[in-house]
C-alpha atoms as a PDB file:
ATOM      1  CA  MET A   1      84.801 104.278 110.072  1.00  0.00           C
ATOM      2  CA  ASP A   2      81.964 106.054 111.576  1.00  0.00           C
ATOM      3  CA  ASP A   3      83.491 105.472 115.049  1.00  0.00           C
ATOM      4  CA  LEU A   4      86.230 108.006 114.133  1.00  0.00           C
ATOM      5  CA  ALA A   5      83.760 110.832 113.783  1.00  0.00           C
ATOM      6  CA  PRO A   6      84.303 112.168 117.145  1.00  0.00           C
ATOM      7  CA  LEU A   7      88.072 112.734 116.462  1.00  0.00           C
ATOM      8  CA  GLY A   8      87.175 115.139 113.764  1.00  0.00           C
ATOM      9  CA  TRP A   9      89.835 115.555 110.799  1.00  0.00           C
ATOM     10  CA  TRP A  10      92.399 113.816 112.866  1.00  0.00           C
ATOM     11  CA  GLY A  11      90.387 110.739 112.570  1.00  0.00           C
ATOM     12  CA  VAL A  12      90.799 110.703 108.821  1.00  0.00           C
ATOM     13  CA  PRO A  13      94.306 109.448 108.282  1.00  0.00           C
ATOM     14  CA  LEU A  14      93.832 107.215 111.438  1.00  0.00           C
ATOM     15  CA  ALA A  15      90.878 105.762 109.455  1.00  0.00           C
ATOM     16  CA  VAL A  16      92.785 105.503 106.209  1.00  0.00           C
ATOM     17  CA  LEU A  17      95.557 103.867 108.083  1.00  0.00           C
ATOM     18  CA  SER A  18      93.212 101.562 109.822  1.00  0.00           C
ATOM     19  CA  GLY A  19      91.511 100.819 106.618  1.00  0.00           C
ATOM     20  CA  ALA A  20      94.932 100.017 104.854  1.00  0.00           C
ATOM     21  CA  ILE A  21      95.625  97.354 107.187  1.00  0.00           C
ATOM     22  CA  ARG A  22      92.344  95.712 107.196  1.00  0.00           C
ATOM     23  CA  ALA A  23      91.364  96.101 103.693  1.00  0.00           C
ATOM     24  CA  GLY A  24      95.040  95.545 102.400  1.00  0.00           C
ATOM     25  CA  THR A  25      95.439  92.354 104.317  1.00  0.00           C
ATOM     26  CA  PRO A  26      93.619  90.166 101.588  1.00  0.00           C
ATOM     27  CA  PHE A  27      95.703  91.944  99.055  1.00  0.00           C
ATOM     28  CA  ILE A  28      98.814  91.022 100.850  1.00  0.00           C
ATOM     29  CA  PHE A  29      98.227  87.319 100.813  1.00  0.00           C
ATOM     30  CA  VAL A  30      96.770  87.156  97.053  1.00  0.00           C
ATOM     31  CA  SER A  31      99.615  89.350  95.866  1.00  0.00           C
ATOM     32  CA  LEU A  32     102.266  87.243  97.423  1.00  0.00           C
ATOM     33  CA  GLY A  33     100.909  83.962  96.149  1.00  0.00           C
ATOM     34  CA  GLU A  34     100.740  85.519  92.569  1.00  0.00           C
ATOM     35  CA  CYS A  35     104.252  86.971  93.079  1.00  0.00           C
ATOM     36  CA  LEU A  36     105.794  83.366  93.934  1.00  0.00           C
ATOM     37  CA  THR A  37     103.556  82.043  90.947  1.00  0.00           C
ATOM     38  CA  GLU A  38     104.797  84.505  88.411  1.00  0.00           C
ATOM     39  CA  LYS A  39     108.494  83.944  89.789  1.00  0.00           C
ATOM     40  CA  SER A  40     108.273  80.574  88.508  1.00  0.00           C
ATOM     41  CA  GLY A  41     107.105  81.822  85.170  1.00  0.00           C
ATOM     42  CA  ARG A  42     103.482  81.252  85.416  1.00  0.00           C
ATOM     43  CA  ILE A  43     100.508  83.808  85.419  1.00  0.00           C
ATOM     44  CA  ASN A  44      97.352  82.785  87.476  1.00  0.00           C
ATOM     45  CA  LEU A  45      94.497  85.163  86.585  1.00  0.00           C
ATOM     46  CA  GLY A  46      92.314  82.634  88.272  1.00  0.00           C
ATOM     47  CA  LEU A  47      93.135  83.887  91.874  1.00  0.00           C
ATOM     48  CA  GLU A  48      89.773  85.911  91.857  1.00  0.00           C
ATOM     49  CA  GLY A  49      87.852  82.645  92.001  1.00  0.00           C
ATOM     50  CA  THR A  50      90.418  81.177  94.431  1.00  0.00           C
ATOM     51  CA  LEU A  51      89.727  84.408  96.582  1.00  0.00           C
ATOM     52  CA  VAL A  52      85.872  83.723  96.365  1.00  0.00           C
ATOM     53  CA  MET A  53      86.222  80.022  97.108  1.00  0.00           C
ATOM     54  CA  GLY A  54      88.454  80.518  99.983  1.00  0.00           C
ATOM     55  CA  ALA A  55      86.046  82.812 101.406  1.00  0.00           C
ATOM     56  CA  MET A  56      83.078  80.625 101.133  1.00  0.00           C
ATOM     57  CA  SER A  57      85.032  77.570 102.482  1.00  0.00           C
ATOM     58  CA  ALA A  58      86.465  79.370 105.492  1.00  0.00           C
ATOM     59  CA  TYR A  59      83.066  80.867 106.248  1.00  0.00           C
ATOM     60  CA  ALA A  60      81.498  77.188 106.002  1.00  0.00           C
ATOM     61  CA  ALA A  61      84.020  75.453 108.113  1.00  0.00           C
ATOM     62  CA  SER A  62      83.876  78.130 110.729  1.00  0.00           C
ATOM     63  CA  TYR A  63      80.117  77.882 110.931  1.00  0.00           C
ATOM     64  CA  LEU A  64      79.922  74.161 110.828  1.00  0.00           C
ATOM     65  CA  THR A  65      82.944  73.758 113.494  1.00  0.00           C
ATOM     66  CA  GLY A  66      82.749  76.833 115.577  1.00  0.00           C
ATOM     67  CA  SER A  67      86.652  77.289 114.816  1.00  0.00           C
ATOM     68  CA  PRO A  68      87.500  80.310 112.746  1.00  0.00           C
ATOM     69  CA  TRP A  69      91.197  79.057 112.417  1.00  0.00           C
ATOM     70  CA  LEU A  70      90.109  75.625 111.087  1.00  0.00           C
ATOM     71  CA  GLY A  71      88.017  77.821 108.509  1.00  0.00           C
ATOM     72  CA  VAL A  72      91.509  79.673 107.532  1.00  0.00           C
ATOM     73  CA  LEU A  73      93.001  76.134 107.176  1.00  0.00           C
ATOM     74  CA  VAL A  74      90.359  74.806 104.840  1.00  0.00           C
ATOM     75  CA  ALA A  75      90.307  78.130 102.676  1.00  0.00           C
ATOM     76  CA  GLY A  76      93.929  77.507 102.154  1.00  0.00           C
ATOM     77  CA  LEU A  77      93.403  73.845 101.105  1.00  0.00           C
ATOM     78  CA  SER A  78      90.559  74.854  98.713  1.00  0.00           C
ATOM     79  CA  GLY A  79      93.158  77.319  97.174  1.00  0.00           C
ATOM     80  CA  MET A  80      95.653  74.655  97.011  1.00  0.00           C
ATOM     81  CA  MET A  81      93.225  72.545  95.075  1.00  0.00           C
ATOM     82  CA  LEU A  82      92.245  75.278  92.464  1.00  0.00           C
ATOM     83  CA  GLY A  83      96.063  76.127  92.142  1.00  0.00           C
ATOM     84  CA  ALA A  84      97.168  72.339  91.484  1.00  0.00           C
ATOM     85  CA  LEU A  85      94.152  72.433  88.830  1.00  0.00           C
ATOM     86  CA  HIS A  86      95.591  75.315  87.394  1.00  0.00           C
ATOM     87  CA  ALA A  87      99.129  74.006  87.217  1.00  0.00           C
ATOM     88  CA  TRP A  88      98.058  70.739  85.901  1.00  0.00           C
ATOM     89  CA  ALA A  89      96.283  72.254  83.030  1.00  0.00           C
ATOM     90  CA  CYS A  90      98.839  74.544  82.138  1.00  0.00           C
ATOM     91  CA  SER A  91     101.580  71.727  82.097  1.00  0.00           C
ATOM     92  CA  ARG A  92      99.570  70.222  78.996  1.00  0.00           C
ATOM     93  CA  PRO A  93     101.079  71.174  75.521  1.00  0.00           C
ATOM     94  CA  ARG A  94      99.879  74.274  73.942  1.00  0.00           C
ATOM     95  CA  VAL A  95      97.699  75.261  76.584  1.00  0.00           C
ATOM     96  CA  ASN A  96      97.515  79.177  77.399  1.00  0.00           C
ATOM     97  CA  ASP A  97      98.178  80.256  81.247  1.00  0.00           C
ATOM     98  CA  ILE A  98      95.871  83.140  80.787  1.00  0.00           C
ATOM     99  CA  ALA A  99      92.734  80.999  79.059  1.00  0.00           C
ATOM    100  CA  VAL A 100      93.109  78.468  81.807  1.00  0.00           C
ATOM    101  CA  GLY A 101      93.129  81.501  84.619  1.00  0.00           C
ATOM    102  CA  ILE A 102      90.223  83.265  83.214  1.00  0.00           C
ATOM    103  CA  ALA A 103      88.365  79.712  82.983  1.00  0.00           C
ATOM    104  CA  LEU A 104      89.174  78.643  86.622  1.00  0.00           C
ATOM    105  CA  MET A 105      88.222  82.156  87.869  1.00  0.00           C
ATOM    106  CA  VAL A 106      84.645  81.713  86.525  1.00  0.00           C
ATOM    107  CA  PHE A 107      84.658  78.132  87.714  1.00  0.00           C
ATOM    108  CA  GLY A 108      85.849  79.067  91.206  1.00  0.00           C
ATOM    109  CA  THR A 109      83.436  81.970  91.530  1.00  0.00           C
ATOM    110  CA  GLY A 110      80.399  79.929  90.178  1.00  0.00           C
ATOM    111  CA  LEU A 111      81.346  77.149  92.572  1.00  0.00           C
ATOM    112  CA  ALA A 112      81.638  79.107  95.469  1.00  0.00           C
ATOM    113  CA  PHE A 113      78.287  80.870  94.741  1.00  0.00           C
ATOM    114  CA  TYR A 114      76.439  77.561  94.255  1.00  0.00           C
ATOM    115  CA  LEU A 115      78.123  75.720  97.369  1.00  0.00           C
ATOM    116  CA  GLY A 116      77.735  78.802  99.514  1.00  0.00           C
ATOM    117  CA  LYS A 117      74.275  79.702  99.399  1.00  0.00           C
ATOM    118  CA  PRO A 118      73.156  77.779 102.627  1.00  0.00           C
ATOM    119  CA  PHE A 119      75.759  80.055 104.410  1.00  0.00           C
ATOM    120  CA  VAL A 120      74.554  83.485 103.245  1.00  0.00           C
ATOM    121  CA  GLN A 121      72.237  84.041 106.108  1.00  0.00           C
ATOM    122  CA  PRO A 122      73.956  82.053 109.122  1.00  0.00           C
ATOM    123  CA  ALA A 123      76.450  83.709 111.233  1.00  0.00           C
ATOM    124  CA  ALA A 124      79.784  82.187 111.621  1.00  0.00           C
ATOM    125  CA  ARG A 125      82.334  82.783 114.345  1.00  0.00           C
ATOM    126  CA  ASN A 126      84.732  85.329 113.177  1.00  0.00           C
ATOM    127  CA  LEU A 127      88.582  85.605 113.672  1.00  0.00           C
ATOM    128  CA  PRO A 128      89.671  87.463 116.724  1.00  0.00           C
ATOM    129  CA  SER A 129      91.794  90.453 116.708  1.00  0.00           C
ATOM    130  CA  LEU A 130      94.784  92.138 118.724  1.00  0.00           C
ATOM    131  CA  ASP A 131      93.935  95.268 120.957  1.00  0.00           C
ATOM    132  CA  LEU A 132      96.928  97.419 120.097  1.00  0.00           C
ATOM    133  CA  GLY A 133      95.429 100.463 121.170  1.00  0.00           C
ATOM    134  CA  TRP A 134      95.038  99.179 124.698  1.00  0.00           C
ATOM    135  CA  TRP A 135      97.190 102.362 125.915  1.00  0.00           C
ATOM    136  CA  SER A 136      94.537 104.627 124.710  1.00  0.00           C
ATOM    137  CA  SER A 137      91.301 105.534 126.711  1.00  0.00           C
ATOM    138  CA  ASN A 138      89.613 106.875 123.706  1.00  0.00           C
ATOM    139  CA  SER A 139      87.240 104.013 122.409  1.00  0.00           C
ATOM    140  CA  GLN A 140      87.684 105.319 118.555  1.00  0.00           C
ATOM    141  CA  MET A 141      91.552 105.074 118.881  1.00  0.00           C
ATOM    142  CA  ARG A 142      91.172 101.476 120.204  1.00  0.00           C
ATOM    143  CA  ALA A 143      88.663 100.506 117.753  1.00  0.00           C
ATOM    144  CA  ALA A 144      91.003 101.730 114.844  1.00  0.00           C
ATOM    145  CA  LEU A 145      94.070  99.929 116.136  1.00  0.00           C
ATOM    146  CA  ARG A 146      92.499  96.221 116.460  1.00  0.00           C
ATOM    147  CA  ILE A 147      94.438  94.391 114.091  1.00  0.00           C
ATOM    148  CA  ASN A 148      94.041  90.514 113.172  1.00  0.00           C
ATOM    149  CA  VAL A 149      96.897  88.396 113.721  1.00  0.00           C
ATOM    150  CA  LEU A 150      96.759  87.529 109.789  1.00  0.00           C
ATOM    151  CA  PHE A 151      98.192  90.857 109.112  1.00  0.00           C
ATOM    152  CA  PHE A 152     101.318  90.197 110.930  1.00  0.00           C
ATOM    153  CA  LEU A 153     101.513  86.821 109.141  1.00  0.00           C
ATOM    154  CA  GLY A 154     101.243  88.463 106.135  1.00  0.00           C
ATOM    155  CA  LEU A 155     104.455  90.606 107.050  1.00  0.00           C
ATOM    156  CA  PHE A 156     106.413  87.683 108.174  1.00  0.00           C
ATOM    157  CA  LEU A 157     105.762  85.918 104.750  1.00  0.00           C
ATOM    158  CA  ALA A 158     106.526  88.798 102.721  1.00  0.00           C
ATOM    159  CA  LEU A 159     109.772  89.027 104.369  1.00  0.00           C
ATOM    160  CA  ALA A 160     110.570  85.518 104.406  1.00  0.00           C
ATOM    161  CA  LEU A 161     109.643  85.055 100.667  1.00  0.00           C
ATOM    162  CA  HIS A 162     111.832  88.124 100.015  1.00  0.00           C
ATOM    163  CA  TRP A 163     114.813  86.344 101.771  1.00  0.00           C
ATOM    164  CA  GLY A 164     113.779  82.880 100.499  1.00  0.00           C
ATOM    165  CA  LEU A 165     114.055  83.762  96.798  1.00  0.00           C
ATOM    166  CA  ARG A 166     117.336  85.565  96.917  1.00  0.00           C
ATOM    167  CA  ASN A 167     119.255  83.338  99.522  1.00  0.00           C
ATOM    168  CA  THR A 168     118.189  79.583  99.235  1.00  0.00           C
ATOM    169  CA  ARG A 169     118.514  76.882  96.770  1.00  0.00           C
ATOM    170  CA  TRP A 170     114.607  76.556  96.253  1.00  0.00           C
ATOM    171  CA  GLY A 171     114.743  80.395  95.585  1.00  0.00           C
ATOM    172  CA  LEU A 172     117.326  79.881  92.975  1.00  0.00           C
ATOM    173  CA  ALA A 173     115.175  76.992  91.330  1.00  0.00           C
ATOM    174  CA  VAL A 174     112.126  79.192  91.250  1.00  0.00           C
ATOM    175  CA  ARG A 175     113.801  82.378  89.798  1.00  0.00           C
ATOM    176  CA  ALA A 176     115.796  80.116  87.185  1.00  0.00           C
ATOM    177  CA  SER A 177     112.508  78.473  86.132  1.00  0.00           C
ATOM    178  CA  GLY A 178     110.857  82.026  85.543  1.00  0.00           C
ATOM    179  CA  ASP A 179     113.708  83.488  83.879  1.00  0.00           C
ATOM    180  CA  SER A 180     114.636  80.883  81.476  1.00  0.00           C
ATOM    181  CA  ALA A 181     113.131  77.221  81.265  1.00  0.00           C
ATOM    182  CA  ASP A 182     115.878  76.149  79.072  1.00  0.00           C
ATOM    183  CA  ALA A 183     118.598  77.301  81.488  1.00  0.00           C
ATOM    184  CA  ALA A 184     116.786  75.842  84.430  1.00  0.00           C
ATOM    185  CA  GLN A 185     116.630  72.380  82.651  1.00  0.00           C
ATOM    186  CA  SER A 186     120.125  72.561  81.877  1.00  0.00           C
ATOM    187  CA  LEU A 187     120.869  73.105  85.784  1.00  0.00           C
ATOM    188  CA  GLY A 188     118.997  69.992  86.358  1.00  0.00           C
ATOM    189  CA  TYR A 189     115.767  71.387  87.769  1.00  0.00           C
ATOM    190  CA  ARG A 190     112.296  70.214  86.971  1.00  0.00           C
ATOM    191  CA  VAL A 191     110.413  73.180  85.583  1.00  0.00           C
ATOM    192  CA  ASN A 192     107.118  71.788  85.521  1.00  0.00           C
ATOM    193  CA  THR A 193     107.379  70.591  89.313  1.00  0.00           C
ATOM    194  CA  ILE A 194     108.822  73.943  90.270  1.00  0.00           C
ATOM    195  CA  ARG A 195     105.883  75.707  88.559  1.00  0.00           C
ATOM    196  CA  LEU A 196     103.411  73.287  89.961  1.00  0.00           C
ATOM    197  CA  ALA A 197     104.525  73.879  93.684  1.00  0.00           C
ATOM    198  CA  SER A 198     104.801  77.470  93.145  1.00  0.00           C
ATOM    199  CA  THR A 199     101.304  77.797  91.977  1.00  0.00           C
ATOM    200  CA  VAL A 200      99.815  75.585  94.550  1.00  0.00           C
ATOM    201  CA  VAL A 201     101.287  77.547  97.229  1.00  0.00           C
ATOM    202  CA  GLY A 202     100.154  80.713  95.639  1.00  0.00           C
ATOM    203  CA  GLY A 203      96.741  79.261  95.630  1.00  0.00           C
ATOM    204  CA  PHE A 204      96.975  78.435  99.408  1.00  0.00           C
ATOM    205  CA  LEU A 205      97.859  82.111 100.229  1.00  0.00           C
ATOM    206  CA  ALA A 206      95.285  83.437  97.997  1.00  0.00           C
ATOM    207  CA  GLY A 207      92.619  81.131  99.953  1.00  0.00           C
ATOM    208  CA  ILE A 208      93.818  82.561 103.153  1.00  0.00           C
ATOM    209  CA  GLY A 209      93.154  85.985 101.822  1.00  0.00           C
ATOM    210  CA  GLY A 210      89.849  84.997 101.270  1.00  0.00           C
ATOM    211  CA  ALA A 211      89.336  83.601 104.700  1.00  0.00           C
ATOM    212  CA  PHE A 212      90.230  87.039 105.853  1.00  0.00           C
ATOM    213  CA  LEU A 213      87.331  88.656 104.152  1.00  0.00           C
ATOM    214  CA  SER A 214      84.809  86.286 105.295  1.00  0.00           C
ATOM    215  CA  LEU A 215      85.923  85.844 108.836  1.00  0.00           C
ATOM    216  CA  TYR A 216      87.104  89.319 109.671  1.00  0.00           C
ATOM    217  CA  TYR A 217      86.857  92.127 107.368  1.00  0.00           C
ATOM    218  CA  PRO A 218      83.995  92.776 106.436  1.00  0.00           C
ATOM    219  CA  GLY A 219      83.229  89.387 108.167  1.00  0.00           C
ATOM    220  CA  SER A 220      80.421  87.793 106.423  1.00  0.00           C
ATOM    221  CA  TRP A 221      79.706  85.753 103.123  1.00  0.00           C
ATOM    222  CA  ASN A 222      77.904  87.047 100.397  1.00  0.00           C
ATOM    223  CA  GLU A 223      78.245  86.759  96.537  1.00  0.00           C
ATOM    224  CA  GLY A 224      79.743  90.224  96.260  1.00  0.00           C
ATOM    225  CA  LEU A 225      82.349  89.819  98.776  1.00  0.00           C
ATOM    226  CA  SER A 226      85.748  90.082  96.701  1.00  0.00           C
ATOM    227  CA  SER A 227      85.234  93.106  94.349  1.00  0.00           C
ATOM    228  CA  GLY A 228      87.894  92.047  91.987  1.00  0.00           C
ATOM    229  CA  GLN A 229      90.569  91.935  94.477  1.00  0.00           C
ATOM    230  CA  GLY A 230      92.264  88.767  93.005  1.00  0.00           C
ATOM    231  CA  LEU A 231      92.483  90.490  89.600  1.00  0.00           C
ATOM    232  CA  MET A 232      93.751  93.597  91.198  1.00  0.00           C
ATOM    233  CA  ALA A 233      96.541  91.809  92.845  1.00  0.00           C
ATOM    234  CA  VAL A 234      97.919  90.890  89.411  1.00  0.00           C
ATOM    235  CA  ALA A 235      98.302  94.594  88.870  1.00  0.00           C
ATOM    236  CA  LEU A 236      99.585  95.157  92.262  1.00  0.00           C
ATOM    237  CA  VAL A 237     102.511  92.453  91.615  1.00  0.00           C
ATOM    238  CA  ILE A 238     103.584  94.080  88.263  1.00  0.00           C
ATOM    239  CA  PHE A 239     103.733  97.465  90.332  1.00  0.00           C
ATOM    240  CA  ALA A 240     105.644  95.927  93.000  1.00  0.00           C
ATOM    241  CA  ARG A 241     108.024  94.626  90.379  1.00  0.00           C
ATOM    242  CA  TRP A 242     107.754  91.014  91.630  1.00  0.00           C
ATOM    243  CA  ASN A 243     109.360  92.078  95.002  1.00  0.00           C
ATOM    244  CA  PRO A 244     107.371  90.543  98.082  1.00  0.00           C
ATOM    245  CA  VAL A 245     108.246  93.452 100.430  1.00  0.00           C
ATOM    246  CA  LEU A 246     107.156  96.030  97.823  1.00  0.00           C
ATOM    247  CA  CYS A 247     104.056  93.749  97.380  1.00  0.00           C
ATOM    248  CA  PHE A 248     103.203  94.058 101.140  1.00  0.00           C
ATOM    249  CA  PHE A 249     103.589  97.985 101.081  1.00  0.00           C
ATOM    250  CA  ALA A 250     101.559  98.116  97.635  1.00  0.00           C
ATOM    251  CA  SER A 251      98.864  96.012  99.123  1.00  0.00           C
ATOM    252  CA  LEU A 252      98.719  98.680 102.103  1.00  0.00           C
ATOM    253  CA  LEU A 253      98.421 101.477  99.427  1.00  0.00           C
ATOM    254  CA  PHE A 254      95.609  99.677  97.599  1.00  0.00           C
ATOM    255  CA  GLY A 255      93.915  99.057 101.152  1.00  0.00           C
ATOM    256  CA  GLY A 256      94.341 102.659 101.786  1.00  0.00           C
ATOM    257  CA  ALA A 257      92.687 103.659  98.615  1.00  0.00           C
ATOM    258  CA  SER A 258      89.906 101.493  99.598  1.00  0.00           C
ATOM    259  CA  ALA A 259      89.424 103.058 103.026  1.00  0.00           C
ATOM    260  CA  LEU A 260      89.565 106.794 101.593  1.00  0.00           C
ATOM    261  CA  GLY A 261      85.925 107.106 100.780  1.00  0.00           C
ATOM    262  CA  PRO A 262      84.617 105.938 104.113  1.00  0.00           C
ATOM    263  CA  ALA A 263      87.167 107.894 105.894  1.00  0.00           C
ATOM    264  CA  LEU A 264      86.023 111.106 104.285  1.00  0.00           C
ATOM    265  CA  GLN A 265      82.510 110.229 104.843  1.00  0.00           C
ATOM    266  CA  SER A 266      82.777 109.991 108.539  1.00  0.00           C
ATOM    267  CA  VAL A 267      83.829 113.586 109.015  1.00  0.00           C
ATOM    268  CA  GLY A 268      80.787 114.764 106.698  1.00  0.00           C
ATOM    269  CA  ILE A 269      82.202 114.735 103.118  1.00  0.00           C
ATOM    270  CA  THR A 270      79.519 112.942 100.837  1.00  0.00           C
ATOM    271  CA  SER A 271      80.076 114.757  97.793  1.00  0.00           C
ATOM    272  CA  GLY A 272      81.952 112.544  95.222  1.00  0.00           C
ATOM    273  CA  TYR A 273      81.459 109.501  97.725  1.00  0.00           C
ATOM    274  CA  TYR A 274      81.262 107.017  94.878  1.00  0.00           C
ATOM    275  CA  LEU A 275      84.263 108.467  93.007  1.00  0.00           C
ATOM    276  CA  PHE A 276      86.407 107.995  96.041  1.00  0.00           C
ATOM    277  CA  ASN A 277      85.060 104.368  96.203  1.00  0.00           C
ATOM    278  CA  ALA A 278      86.438 103.879  92.994  1.00  0.00           C
ATOM    279  CA  ALA A 279      89.884 104.793  94.032  1.00  0.00           C
ATOM    280  CA  PRO A 280      91.337 101.302  93.813  1.00  0.00           C
ATOM    281  CA  TYR A 281      89.999 100.429  90.346  1.00  0.00           C
ATOM    282  CA  VAL A 282      91.350 103.758  89.135  1.00  0.00           C
ATOM    283  CA  LEU A 283      94.680 103.101  90.594  1.00  0.00           C
ATOM    284  CA  THR A 284      94.709  99.541  89.000  1.00  0.00           C
ATOM    285  CA  LEU A 285      93.903 101.156  85.797  1.00  0.00           C
ATOM    286  CA  LEU A 286      96.818 103.747  86.093  1.00  0.00           C
ATOM    287  CA  ILE A 287      99.130 100.891  86.973  1.00  0.00           C
ATOM    288  CA  MET A 288      98.243  98.818  83.995  1.00  0.00           C
ATOM    289  CA  ILE A 289      98.707 101.965  81.737  1.00  0.00           C
ATOM    290  CA  SER A 290     101.904 102.974  83.265  1.00  0.00           C
ATOM    291  CA  THR A 291     103.483  99.578  82.959  1.00  0.00           C
ATOM    292  CA  SER A 292     102.185  98.772  79.415  1.00  0.00           C
ATOM    293  CA  SER A 293     105.076 100.742  77.409  1.00  0.00           C
ATOM    294  CA  THR A 294     106.769  98.781  74.867  1.00  0.00           C
ATOM    295  CA  HIS A 295     109.805 101.156  74.880  1.00  0.00           C
ATOM    296  CA  ARG A 296     110.556 100.201  78.584  1.00  0.00           C
ATOM    297  CA  LEU A 297     112.265  97.488  80.128  1.00  0.00           C
ATOM    298  CA  MET A 298     109.993  96.063  83.024  1.00  0.00           C
ATOM    299  CA  LYS A 299     112.818  95.689  85.784  1.00  0.00           C
ATOM    300  CA  GLY A 300     112.263  92.371  87.743  1.00  0.00           C
ATOM    301  CA  ALA A 301     110.157  90.759  85.291  1.00  0.00           C
ATOM    302  CA  PRO A 302     110.498  86.932  84.954  1.00  0.00           C
ATOM    303  CA  GLY A 303     111.611  86.407  81.269  1.00  0.00           C
ATOM    304  CA  GLU A 304     109.274  83.493  80.745  1.00  0.00           C
ATOM    305  CA  LEU A 305     106.170  85.790  81.312  1.00  0.00           C
ATOM    306  CA  SER A 306     104.151  87.101  78.382  1.00  0.00           C
ATOM    307  CA  VAL A 307     104.427  90.549  80.008  1.00  0.00           C
ATOM    308  CA  SER A 308     108.137  90.841  79.689  1.00  0.00           C
ATOM    309  CA  LYS A 309     108.372  89.694  76.167  1.00  0.00           C
END
């Protein structure tokens, strides 16, 4: 963000927009994964561990092979494994989704820290970016408009998931399983299989979100990389009313809130810097408070989720 200082106050909105895209991209993948999982009637609070595990495995794979895109794939596969473990555990009788999610969050995070210790210092090859500011002669403008391909992939996935849930047979099966397991079974759908597939795909997307963190922005591996983004994604999905397209825009909102502090610091505003850095967490808290009313129906909430009962 410091590169935008020569632009003066005009650099602040540009920095926030740039930060919204960069910091919001992991939110896009995690929130889309959680949106699909919750649409099937299951909550996965373990995505924080999945995100961290994805970041570690992507960085390790990129360092060992020299291919950051292979790192993205490995991150997705690690997320799939954690998602499958979550789905299997939750399919057992009298098992609580939330308790399993918390356990897997701790497990995934701890496993990533343990396996990732050898990769804290080495430098892995990072993902490339697209230079969308080629038309400008201003180096700061061009730096702000370097955007990673994963952002556009996230936009495509949001649109595809929104269309698929509304217009395809599998989308009907997912929504039926999330709204009423009994009704879905009466239609011939295998609810546990649908929830397993949805949770596994959700874990895959969360793993890719972790790969973005370690291989592009901030582009390193350390134990404080995630900062709770996996947990905040759950609040983001509720805020977006389980709509994939709204999840995309809400992710940009969270990303912009994360970029506000550095953007103001770039023009010399340092008073209250840490308060501005807390904006994403304050936003999460406000969302949870505003959606916790027992007197208001949560529009779009799958009927099988505890938040809608």
